[in-house]
PDB file of N, CA and C in Angstrom:
ATOM      1  N   MET A   1     -30.294 -28.662  14.373  1.00  0.00           N
ATOM      2  CA  MET A   1     -30.068 -27.018  14.478  1.00  0.00           C
ATOM      3  C   MET A   1     -29.102 -26.472  13.926  1.00  0.00           C
ATOM      4  N   LYS A   2     -28.066 -27.291  14.418  1.00  0.00           N
ATOM      5  CA  LYS A   2     -26.875 -26.946  14.490  1.00  0.00           C
ATOM      6  C   LYS A   2     -26.072 -27.227  12.863  1.00  0.00           C
ATOM      7  N   THR A   3     -26.821 -28.012  12.192  1.00  0.00           N
ATOM      8  CA  THR A   3     -26.535 -28.238  10.648  1.00  0.00           C
ATOM      9  C   THR A   3     -26.595 -26.826   9.908  1.00  0.00           C
ATOM     10  N   ILE A   4     -28.251 -26.348  10.585  1.00  0.00           N
ATOM     11  CA  ILE A   4     -28.332 -25.058  10.053  1.00  0.00           C
ATOM     12  C   ILE A   4     -27.610 -24.051  10.179  1.00  0.00           C
ATOM     13  N   LYS A   5     -27.372 -23.850  11.511  1.00  0.00           N
ATOM     14  CA  LYS A   5     -25.810 -22.731  11.572  1.00  0.00           C
ATOM     15  C   LYS A   5     -24.906 -22.607  11.348  1.00  0.00           C
ATOM     16  N   TYR A   6     -24.223 -23.918  11.153  1.00  0.00           N
ATOM     17  CA  TYR A   6     -23.288 -24.210   9.812  1.00  0.00           C
ATOM     18  C   TYR A   6     -22.899 -23.531   8.492  1.00  0.00           C
ATOM     19  N   ALA A   7     -24.458 -24.134   7.815  1.00  0.00           N
ATOM     20  CA  ALA A   7     -24.741 -23.645   6.835  1.00  0.00           C
ATOM     21  C   ALA A   7     -24.573 -22.435   6.296  1.00  0.00           C
ATOM     22  N   VAL A   8     -25.564 -21.691   6.989  1.00  0.00           N
ATOM     23  CA  VAL A   8     -25.700 -20.078   7.120  1.00  0.00           C
ATOM     24  C   VAL A   8     -23.922 -19.699   7.160  1.00  0.00           C
ATOM     25  N   ALA A   9     -23.582 -20.384   8.213  1.00  0.00           N
ATOM     26  CA  ALA A   9     -21.963 -19.387   8.446  1.00  0.00           C
ATOM     27  C   ALA A   9     -21.440 -19.436   7.152  1.00  0.00           C
ATOM     28  N   ALA A  10     -21.151 -20.991   6.755  1.00  0.00           N
ATOM     29  CA  ALA A  10     -20.358 -21.013   5.492  1.00  0.00           C
ATOM     30  C   ALA A  10     -21.192 -20.298   4.594  1.00  0.00           C
ATOM     31  N   ILE A  11     -22.425 -20.364   4.189  1.00  0.00           N
ATOM     32  CA  ILE A  11     -22.995 -19.067   2.891  1.00  0.00           C
ATOM     33  C   ILE A  11     -22.144 -17.667   3.513  1.00  0.00           C
ATOM     34  N   ALA A  12     -22.317 -17.319   4.655  1.00  0.00           N
ATOM     35  CA  ALA A  12     -21.663 -15.903   4.726  1.00  0.00           C
ATOM     36  C   ALA A  12     -20.218 -15.558   4.338  1.00  0.00           C
ATOM     37  N   LEU A  13     -19.326 -16.804   4.743  1.00  0.00           N
ATOM     38  CA  LEU A  13     -18.227 -16.707   4.508  1.00  0.00           C
ATOM     39  C   LEU A  13     -17.780 -16.861   3.240  1.00  0.00           C
ATOM     40  N   SER A  14     -18.414 -17.705   2.444  1.00  0.00           N
ATOM     41  CA  SER A  14     -18.344 -17.505   1.150  1.00  0.00           C
ATOM     42  C   SER A  14     -18.558 -16.450   0.355  1.00  0.00           C
ATOM     43  N   THR A  15     -19.324 -16.029   0.479  1.00  0.00           N
ATOM     44  CA  THR A  15     -19.819 -14.654   0.303  1.00  0.00           C
ATOM     45  C   THR A  15     -19.013 -13.451   0.395  1.00  0.00           C
ATOM     46  N   LEU A  16     -18.797 -13.157   2.367  1.00  0.00           N
ATOM     47  CA  LEU A  16     -17.257 -12.607   1.901  1.00  0.00           C
ATOM     48  C   LEU A  16     -16.048 -12.634   1.271  1.00  0.00           C
ATOM     49  N   SER A  17     -15.714 -13.815   1.180  1.00  0.00           N
ATOM     50  CA  SER A  17     -14.168 -14.103   0.503  1.00  0.00           C
ATOM     51  C   SER A  17     -14.566 -14.079  -0.327  1.00  0.00           C
ATOM     52  N   PHE A  18     -15.181 -14.211  -1.845  1.00  0.00           N
ATOM     53  CA  PHE A  18     -15.316 -14.054  -3.127  1.00  0.00           C
ATOM     54  C   PHE A  18     -15.265 -12.221  -3.365  1.00  0.00           C
ATOM     55  N   GLY A  19     -16.198 -11.795  -2.942  1.00  0.00           N
ATOM     56  CA  GLY A  19     -16.505 -10.496  -3.056  1.00  0.00           C
ATOM     57  C   GLY A  19     -14.979 -10.273  -2.528  1.00  0.00           C
ATOM     58  N   ALA A  20     -14.264 -10.538  -2.145  1.00  0.00           N
ATOM     59  CA  ALA A  20     -12.641  -9.942  -1.536  1.00  0.00           C
ATOM     60  C   ALA A  20     -11.852  -9.562  -2.333  1.00  0.00           C
ATOM     61  N   PHE A  21     -12.273 -10.893  -3.482  1.00  0.00           N
ATOM     62  CA  PHE A  21     -11.151 -11.228  -4.989  1.00  0.00           C
ATOM     63  C   PHE A  21     -11.340 -10.051  -6.001  1.00  0.00           C
ATOM     64  N   ALA A  22     -12.542  -9.842  -6.070  1.00  0.00           N
ATOM     65  CA  ALA A  22     -13.234  -9.432  -7.145  1.00  0.00           C
ATOM     66  C   ALA A  22     -12.387  -7.985  -7.623  1.00  0.00           C
ATOM     67  N   ALA A  23     -12.352  -7.643  -8.547  1.00  0.00           N
ATOM     68  CA  ALA A  23     -11.652  -6.206  -8.882  1.00  0.00           C
ATOM     69  C   ALA A  23     -12.691  -5.370  -9.367  1.00  0.00           C
ATOM     70  N   GLN A  24     -12.390  -3.743  -8.224  1.00  0.00           N
ATOM     71  CA  GLN A  24     -13.655  -2.878  -8.099  1.00  0.00           C
ATOM     72  C   GLN A  24     -12.837  -1.246  -9.044  1.00  0.00           C
ATOM     73  N   SER A  25     -14.171  -1.170 -10.098  1.00  0.00           N
ATOM     74  CA  SER A  25     -13.802  -0.293 -11.567  1.00  0.00           C
ATOM     75  C   SER A  25     -14.323   0.995 -10.403  1.00  0.00           C
ATOM     76  N   ILE A  26     -12.805   1.906 -10.338  1.00  0.00           N
ATOM     77  CA  ILE A  26     -12.744   3.496  -9.830  1.00  0.00           C
ATOM     78  C   ILE A  26     -12.302   4.117 -10.478  1.00  0.00           C
ATOM     79  N   ASN A  27     -12.750   5.764  -9.663  1.00  0.00           N
ATOM     80  CA  ASN A  27     -12.245   6.530 -10.927  1.00  0.00           C
ATOM     81  C   ASN A  27     -11.037   6.934 -10.905  1.00  0.00           C
ATOM     82  N   PRO A  28     -10.469   8.178 -11.540  1.00  0.00           N
ATOM     83  CA  PRO A  28      -8.980   8.697 -11.466  1.00  0.00           C
ATOM     84  C   PRO A  28      -9.114   9.293 -10.469  1.00  0.00           C
ATOM     85  N   ALA A  29      -9.598   9.907  -9.563  1.00  0.00           N
ATOM     86  CA  ALA A  29      -9.429  10.261  -8.041  1.00  0.00           C
ATOM     87  C   ALA A  29      -9.086   8.958  -7.046  1.00  0.00           C
ATOM     88  N   GLU A  30     -10.121   8.069  -6.860  1.00  0.00           N
ATOM     89  CA  GLU A  30      -9.655   7.190  -6.177  1.00  0.00           C
ATOM     90  C   GLU A  30      -8.560   6.640  -6.601  1.00  0.00           C
ATOM     91  N   ALA A  31      -7.998   6.650  -7.832  1.00  0.00           N
ATOM     92  CA  ALA A  31      -6.553   6.113  -7.955  1.00  0.00           C
ATOM     93  C   ALA A  31      -5.588   6.644  -7.951  1.00  0.00           C
ATOM     94  N   GLN A  32      -5.738   7.447  -7.502  1.00  0.00           N
ATOM     95  CA  GLN A  32      -4.630   8.368  -6.417  1.00  0.00           C
ATOM     96  C   GLN A  32      -3.741   7.661  -6.230  1.00  0.00           C
ATOM     97  N   ASN A  33      -4.384   6.667  -4.837  1.00  0.00           N
ATOM     98  CA  ASN A  33      -3.722   6.318  -3.444  1.00  0.00           C
ATOM     99  C   ASN A  33      -3.451   5.082  -3.568  1.00  0.00           C
ATOM    100  N   LEU A  34      -3.043   4.083  -4.928  1.00  0.00           N
ATOM    101  CA  LEU A  34      -3.275   2.977  -5.110  1.00  0.00           C
ATOM    102  C   LEU A  34      -2.223   2.687  -6.451  1.00  0.00           C
ATOM    103  N   ASN A  35      -1.043   2.101  -5.697  1.00  0.00           N
ATOM    104  CA  ASN A  35       0.235   1.477  -6.789  1.00  0.00           C
ATOM    105  C   ASN A  35      -0.482   1.096  -8.936  1.00  0.00           C
ATOM    106  N   LYS A  36       0.019   1.970  -9.316  1.00  0.00           N
ATOM    107  CA  LYS A  36      -0.509   1.519 -10.706  1.00  0.00           C
ATOM    108  C   LYS A  36       0.391  -0.221 -11.241  1.00  0.00           C
ATOM    109  N   VAL A  37      -0.396  -1.220 -11.289  1.00  0.00           N
ATOM    110  CA  VAL A  37       0.654  -2.365 -11.833  1.00  0.00           C
ATOM    111  C   VAL A  37       0.150  -3.286 -13.452  1.00  0.00           C
ATOM    112  N   GLY A  38      -0.028  -1.842 -14.433  1.00  0.00           N
ATOM    113  CA  GLY A  38      -0.412  -2.261 -15.641  1.00  0.00           C
ATOM    114  C   GLY A  38      -0.910  -1.830 -16.481  1.00  0.00           C
ATOM    115  N   VAL A  39      -1.659  -2.403 -17.282  1.00  0.00           N
ATOM    116  CA  VAL A  39      -2.669  -2.066 -18.082  1.00  0.00           C
ATOM    117  C   VAL A  39      -3.545  -3.096 -19.167  1.00  0.00           C
ATOM    118  N   VAL A  40      -4.615  -3.556 -18.728  1.00  0.00           N
ATOM    119  CA  VAL A  40      -5.321  -4.540 -19.571  1.00  0.00           C
ATOM    120  C   VAL A  40      -6.175  -3.951 -20.514  1.00  0.00           C
ATOM    121  N   SER A  41      -6.454  -4.810 -21.952  1.00  0.00           N
ATOM    122  CA  SER A  41      -7.351  -4.467 -23.027  1.00  0.00           C
ATOM    123  C   SER A  41      -8.141  -5.639 -23.235  1.00  0.00           C
ATOM    124  N   ALA A  42      -9.173  -5.019 -23.927  1.00  0.00           N
ATOM    125  CA  ALA A  42      -9.982  -6.164 -24.192  1.00  0.00           C
ATOM    126  C   ALA A  42     -10.893  -5.427 -25.713  1.00  0.00           C
ATOM    127  N   ASP A  43     -11.307  -6.177 -26.319  1.00  0.00           N
ATOM    128  CA  ASP A  43     -12.173  -5.981 -27.762  1.00  0.00           C
ATOM    129  C   ASP A  43     -13.339  -7.057 -27.843  1.00  0.00           C
ATOM    130  N   GLY A  44     -13.978  -6.779 -28.782  1.00  0.00           N
ATOM    131  CA  GLY A  44     -14.688  -7.340 -29.330  1.00  0.00           C
ATOM    132  C   GLY A  44     -16.289  -7.888 -28.397  1.00  0.00           C
ATOM    133  N   ALA A  45     -16.931  -6.967 -27.790  1.00  0.00           N
ATOM    134  CA  ALA A  45     -17.575  -6.893 -26.816  1.00  0.00           C
ATOM    135  C   ALA A  45     -19.008  -5.659 -27.773  1.00  0.00           C
ATOM    136  N   SER A  46     -20.389  -6.066 -27.765  1.00  0.00           N
ATOM    137  CA  SER A  46     -21.173  -5.617 -28.039  1.00  0.00           C
ATOM    138  C   SER A  46     -22.060  -4.495 -27.668  1.00  0.00           C
ATOM    139  N   THR A  47     -21.412  -3.992 -26.198  1.00  0.00           N
ATOM    140  CA  THR A  47     -22.191  -3.401 -25.349  1.00  0.00           C
ATOM    141  C   THR A  47     -20.886  -2.374 -24.867  1.00  0.00           C
ATOM    142  N   LEU A  48     -21.677  -1.472 -24.372  1.00  0.00           N
ATOM    143  CA  LEU A  48     -20.229  -0.836 -23.448  1.00  0.00           C
ATOM    144  C   LEU A  48     -20.439  -1.603 -21.816  1.00  0.00           C
ATOM    145  N   ASP A  49     -21.340  -2.563 -20.925  1.00  0.00           N
ATOM    146  CA  ASP A  49     -21.568  -3.284 -20.587  1.00  0.00           C
ATOM    147  C   ASP A  49     -20.526  -4.745 -20.122  1.00  0.00           C
ATOM    148  N   GLY A  50     -20.527  -5.451 -21.584  1.00  0.00           N
ATOM    149  CA  GLY A  50     -19.636  -5.880 -22.443  1.00  0.00           C
ATOM    150  C   GLY A  50     -18.348  -5.810 -21.901  1.00  0.00           C
ATOM    151  N   LEU A  51     -18.041  -4.863 -22.573  1.00  0.00           N
ATOM    152  CA  LEU A  51     -16.946  -4.338 -22.980  1.00  0.00           C
ATOM    153  C   LEU A  51     -16.575  -4.119 -20.904  1.00  0.00           C
ATOM    154  N   GLU A  52     -17.138  -3.287 -20.075  1.00  0.00           N
ATOM    155  CA  GLU A  52     -16.689  -3.132 -19.020  1.00  0.00           C
ATOM    156  C   GLU A  52     -16.574  -4.656 -18.293  1.00  0.00           C
ATOM    157  N   ALA A  53     -17.481  -5.648 -18.372  1.00  0.00           N
ATOM    158  CA  ALA A  53     -16.983  -6.773 -17.767  1.00  0.00           C
ATOM    159  C   ALA A  53     -16.090  -8.064 -18.534  1.00  0.00           C
ATOM    160  N   LYS A  54     -15.819  -7.537 -20.034  1.00  0.00           N
ATOM    161  CA  LYS A  54     -14.695  -8.092 -20.253  1.00  0.00           C
ATOM    162  C   LYS A  54     -13.145  -7.646 -19.963  1.00  0.00           C
ATOM    163  N   LEU A  55     -13.034  -6.150 -19.268  1.00  0.00           N
ATOM    164  CA  LEU A  55     -11.828  -5.747 -18.517  1.00  0.00           C
ATOM    165  C   LEU A  55     -11.679  -5.804 -17.072  1.00  0.00           C
ATOM    166  N   ALA A  56     -12.972  -5.866 -16.742  1.00  0.00           N
ATOM    167  CA  ALA A  56     -13.379  -6.194 -14.871  1.00  0.00           C
ATOM    168  C   ALA A  56     -12.635  -7.684 -14.902  1.00  0.00           C
ATOM    169  N   ASP A  57     -13.047  -9.022 -16.071  1.00  0.00           N
ATOM    170  CA  ASP A  57     -12.583 -10.095 -16.022  1.00  0.00           C
ATOM    171  C   ASP A  57     -11.086  -9.891 -15.768  1.00  0.00           C
ATOM    172  N   LYS A  58     -10.192  -9.607 -17.216  1.00  0.00           N
ATOM    173  CA  LYS A  58      -8.734  -9.441 -17.118  1.00  0.00           C
ATOM    174  C   LYS A  58      -8.254  -8.614 -16.319  1.00  0.00           C
ATOM    175  N   ALA A  59      -8.466  -7.964 -15.412  1.00  0.00           N
ATOM    176  CA  ALA A  59      -8.358  -7.095 -13.853  1.00  0.00           C
ATOM    177  C   ALA A  59      -8.031  -8.159 -13.265  1.00  0.00           C
ATOM    178  N   GLU A  60      -8.728  -8.828 -12.761  1.00  0.00           N
ATOM    179  CA  GLU A  60      -9.270 -10.130 -11.911  1.00  0.00           C
ATOM    180  C   GLU A  60      -8.478 -10.993 -12.078  1.00  0.00           C
ATOM    181  N   ALA A  61      -8.187 -11.300 -13.316  1.00  0.00           N
ATOM    182  CA  ALA A  61      -7.407 -12.901 -13.705  1.00  0.00           C
ATOM    183  C   ALA A  61      -5.730 -11.994 -13.408  1.00  0.00           C
ATOM    184  N   ALA A  62      -5.719 -10.450 -13.445  1.00  0.00           N
ATOM    185  CA  ALA A  62      -4.157  -9.898 -13.550  1.00  0.00           C
ATOM    186  C   ALA A  62      -3.738  -9.861 -11.949  1.00  0.00           C
ATOM    187  N   GLY A  63      -4.931 -10.246 -11.016  1.00  0.00           N
ATOM    188  CA  GLY A  63      -4.611 -10.176  -9.578  1.00  0.00           C
ATOM    189  C   GLY A  63      -5.170  -8.871  -9.373  1.00  0.00           C
ATOM    190  N   ALA A  64      -5.620  -7.736  -9.540  1.00  0.00           N
ATOM    191  CA  ALA A  64      -5.686  -6.208  -9.357  1.00  0.00           C
ATOM    192  C   ALA A  64      -6.800  -6.200  -8.028  1.00  0.00           C
ATOM    193  N   LYS A  65      -6.310  -5.031  -7.707  1.00  0.00           N
ATOM    194  CA  LYS A  65      -7.448  -4.699  -6.629  1.00  0.00           C
ATOM    195  C   LYS A  65      -8.224  -3.940  -7.163  1.00  0.00           C
ATOM    196  N   ALA A  66      -7.875  -3.196  -8.242  1.00  0.00           N
ATOM    197  CA  ALA A  66      -9.214  -1.959  -8.640  1.00  0.00           C
ATOM    198  C   ALA A  66      -9.271  -1.729  -9.890  1.00  0.00           C
ATOM    199  N   TYR A  67      -9.309  -1.687 -11.003  1.00  0.00           N
ATOM    200  CA  TYR A  67      -9.228  -0.693 -12.311  1.00  0.00           C
ATOM    201  C   TYR A  67     -10.049   0.519 -12.499  1.00  0.00           C
ATOM    202  N   SER A  68      -9.751   0.702 -13.367  1.00  0.00           N
ATOM    203  CA  SER A  68     -10.123   2.019 -13.975  1.00  0.00           C
ATOM    204  C   SER A  68      -9.651   2.402 -15.939  1.00  0.00           C
ATOM    205  N   ILE A  69     -10.660   2.554 -16.203  1.00  0.00           N
ATOM    206  CA  ILE A  69     -10.914   2.198 -17.972  1.00  0.00           C
ATOM    207  C   ILE A  69     -10.640   3.708 -18.306  1.00  0.00           C
ATOM    208  N   THR A  70      -9.786   3.505 -19.174  1.00  0.00           N
ATOM    209  CA  THR A  70      -9.320   4.867 -19.762  1.00  0.00           C
ATOM    210  C   THR A  70      -9.520   5.027 -21.233  1.00  0.00           C
ATOM    211  N   SER A  71      -9.805   4.098 -21.812  1.00  0.00           N
ATOM    212  CA  SER A  71     -10.300   4.482 -23.239  1.00  0.00           C
ATOM    213  C   SER A  71     -11.609   3.549 -23.997  1.00  0.00           C
ATOM    214  N   ALA A  72     -12.679   3.690 -24.659  1.00  0.00           N
ATOM    215  CA  ALA A  72     -13.483   2.418 -25.503  1.00  0.00           C
ATOM    216  C   ALA A  72     -13.449   3.061 -26.673  1.00  0.00           C
ATOM    217  N   ASN A  73     -13.389   2.449 -27.859  1.00  0.00           N
ATOM    218  CA  ASN A  73     -14.078   2.486 -29.181  1.00  0.00           C
ATOM    219  C   ASN A  73     -14.561   1.723 -29.776  1.00  0.00           C
ATOM    220  N   THR A  74     -15.620   2.527 -30.765  1.00  0.00           N
ATOM    221  CA  THR A  74     -16.210   1.284 -31.315  1.00  0.00           C
ATOM    222  C   THR A  74     -16.198   1.789 -33.086  1.00  0.00           C
ATOM    223  N   ASN A  75     -15.455   0.564 -33.472  1.00  0.00           N
ATOM    224  CA  ASN A  75     -15.647  -0.026 -34.418  1.00  0.00           C
ATOM    225  C   ASN A  75     -16.068  -0.751 -35.089  1.00  0.00           C
ATOM    226  N   GLY A  76     -17.229  -0.732 -35.182  1.00  0.00           N
ATOM    227  CA  GLY A  76     -17.908  -2.760 -35.370  1.00  0.00           C
ATOM    228  C   GLY A  76     -18.344  -3.059 -34.114  1.00  0.00           C
ATOM    229  N   LYS A  77     -17.099  -3.783 -33.457  1.00  0.00           N
ATOM    230  CA  LYS A  77     -17.092  -3.880 -32.246  1.00  0.00           C
ATOM    231  C   LYS A  77     -16.685  -3.107 -31.077  1.00  0.00           C
ATOM    232  N   MET A  78     -16.723  -3.107 -29.745  1.00  0.00           N
ATOM    233  CA  MET A  78     -16.059  -2.268 -28.919  1.00  0.00           C
ATOM    234  C   MET A  78     -14.719  -2.878 -28.978  1.00  0.00           C
ATOM    235  N   SER A  79     -14.245  -2.326 -27.967  1.00  0.00           N
ATOM    236  CA  SER A  79     -12.547  -2.030 -27.417  1.00  0.00           C
ATOM    237  C   SER A  79     -12.273  -0.929 -26.391  1.00  0.00           C
ATOM    238  N   GLY A  80     -11.461  -1.617 -25.622  1.00  0.00           N
ATOM    239  CA  GLY A  80     -10.805  -0.181 -24.587  1.00  0.00           C
ATOM    240  C   GLY A  80      -9.872  -0.948 -23.503  1.00  0.00           C
ATOM    241  N   THR A  81      -9.446  -0.300 -22.629  1.00  0.00           N
ATOM    242  CA  THR A  81      -8.665  -0.546 -21.730  1.00  0.00           C
ATOM    243  C   THR A  81      -8.804   0.425 -20.668  1.00  0.00           C
ATOM    244  N   ALA A  82      -7.720  -0.435 -19.592  1.00  0.00           N
ATOM    245  CA  ALA A  82      -7.942   0.179 -18.388  1.00  0.00           C
ATOM    246  C   ALA A  82      -6.507  -0.425 -17.786  1.00  0.00           C
ATOM    247  N   VAL A  83      -6.618   0.726 -16.834  1.00  0.00           N
ATOM    248  CA  VAL A  83      -5.301   0.631 -16.198  1.00  0.00           C
ATOM    249  C   VAL A  83      -5.342  -0.019 -14.650  1.00  0.00           C
ATOM    250  N   ILE A  84      -4.412  -0.922 -14.216  1.00  0.00           N
ATOM    251  CA  ILE A  84      -4.949  -1.953 -12.979  1.00  0.00           C
ATOM    252  C   ILE A  84      -4.283  -1.782 -12.143  1.00  0.00           C
ATOM    253  N   TYR A  85      -5.060  -1.752 -11.238  1.00  0.00           N
ATOM    254  CA  TYR A  85      -3.736  -1.089  -9.650  1.00  0.00           C
ATOM    255  C   TYR A  85      -4.150  -2.369  -8.550  1.00  0.00           C
ATOM    256  N   LYS A  86      -2.869  -2.273  -7.820  1.00  0.00           N
ATOM    257  CA  LYS A  86      -2.986  -3.374  -6.625  1.00  0.00           C
ATOM    258  C   LYS A  86      -2.750  -2.046  -5.158  1.00  0.00           C
TER     259      LYS A  86
END
């Protein structure tokens, strides 16, 4: 019985800590209260969802708390930029 309680507690804690590190997509109004720390760009995506995922990965790798997509272009493959915030 103790093993099950510890396993459930470990799963709950790991889920909470994983979510705490992921950068969140925000809109410009939400960004007004955050500190801009840079810009990330991505290219080569075949869909808008794929582009957003690439930008989110780069924002997270840069240690950002949040990001706001500022541009998206399609010239064969999609590319775009996002401002990152801490």
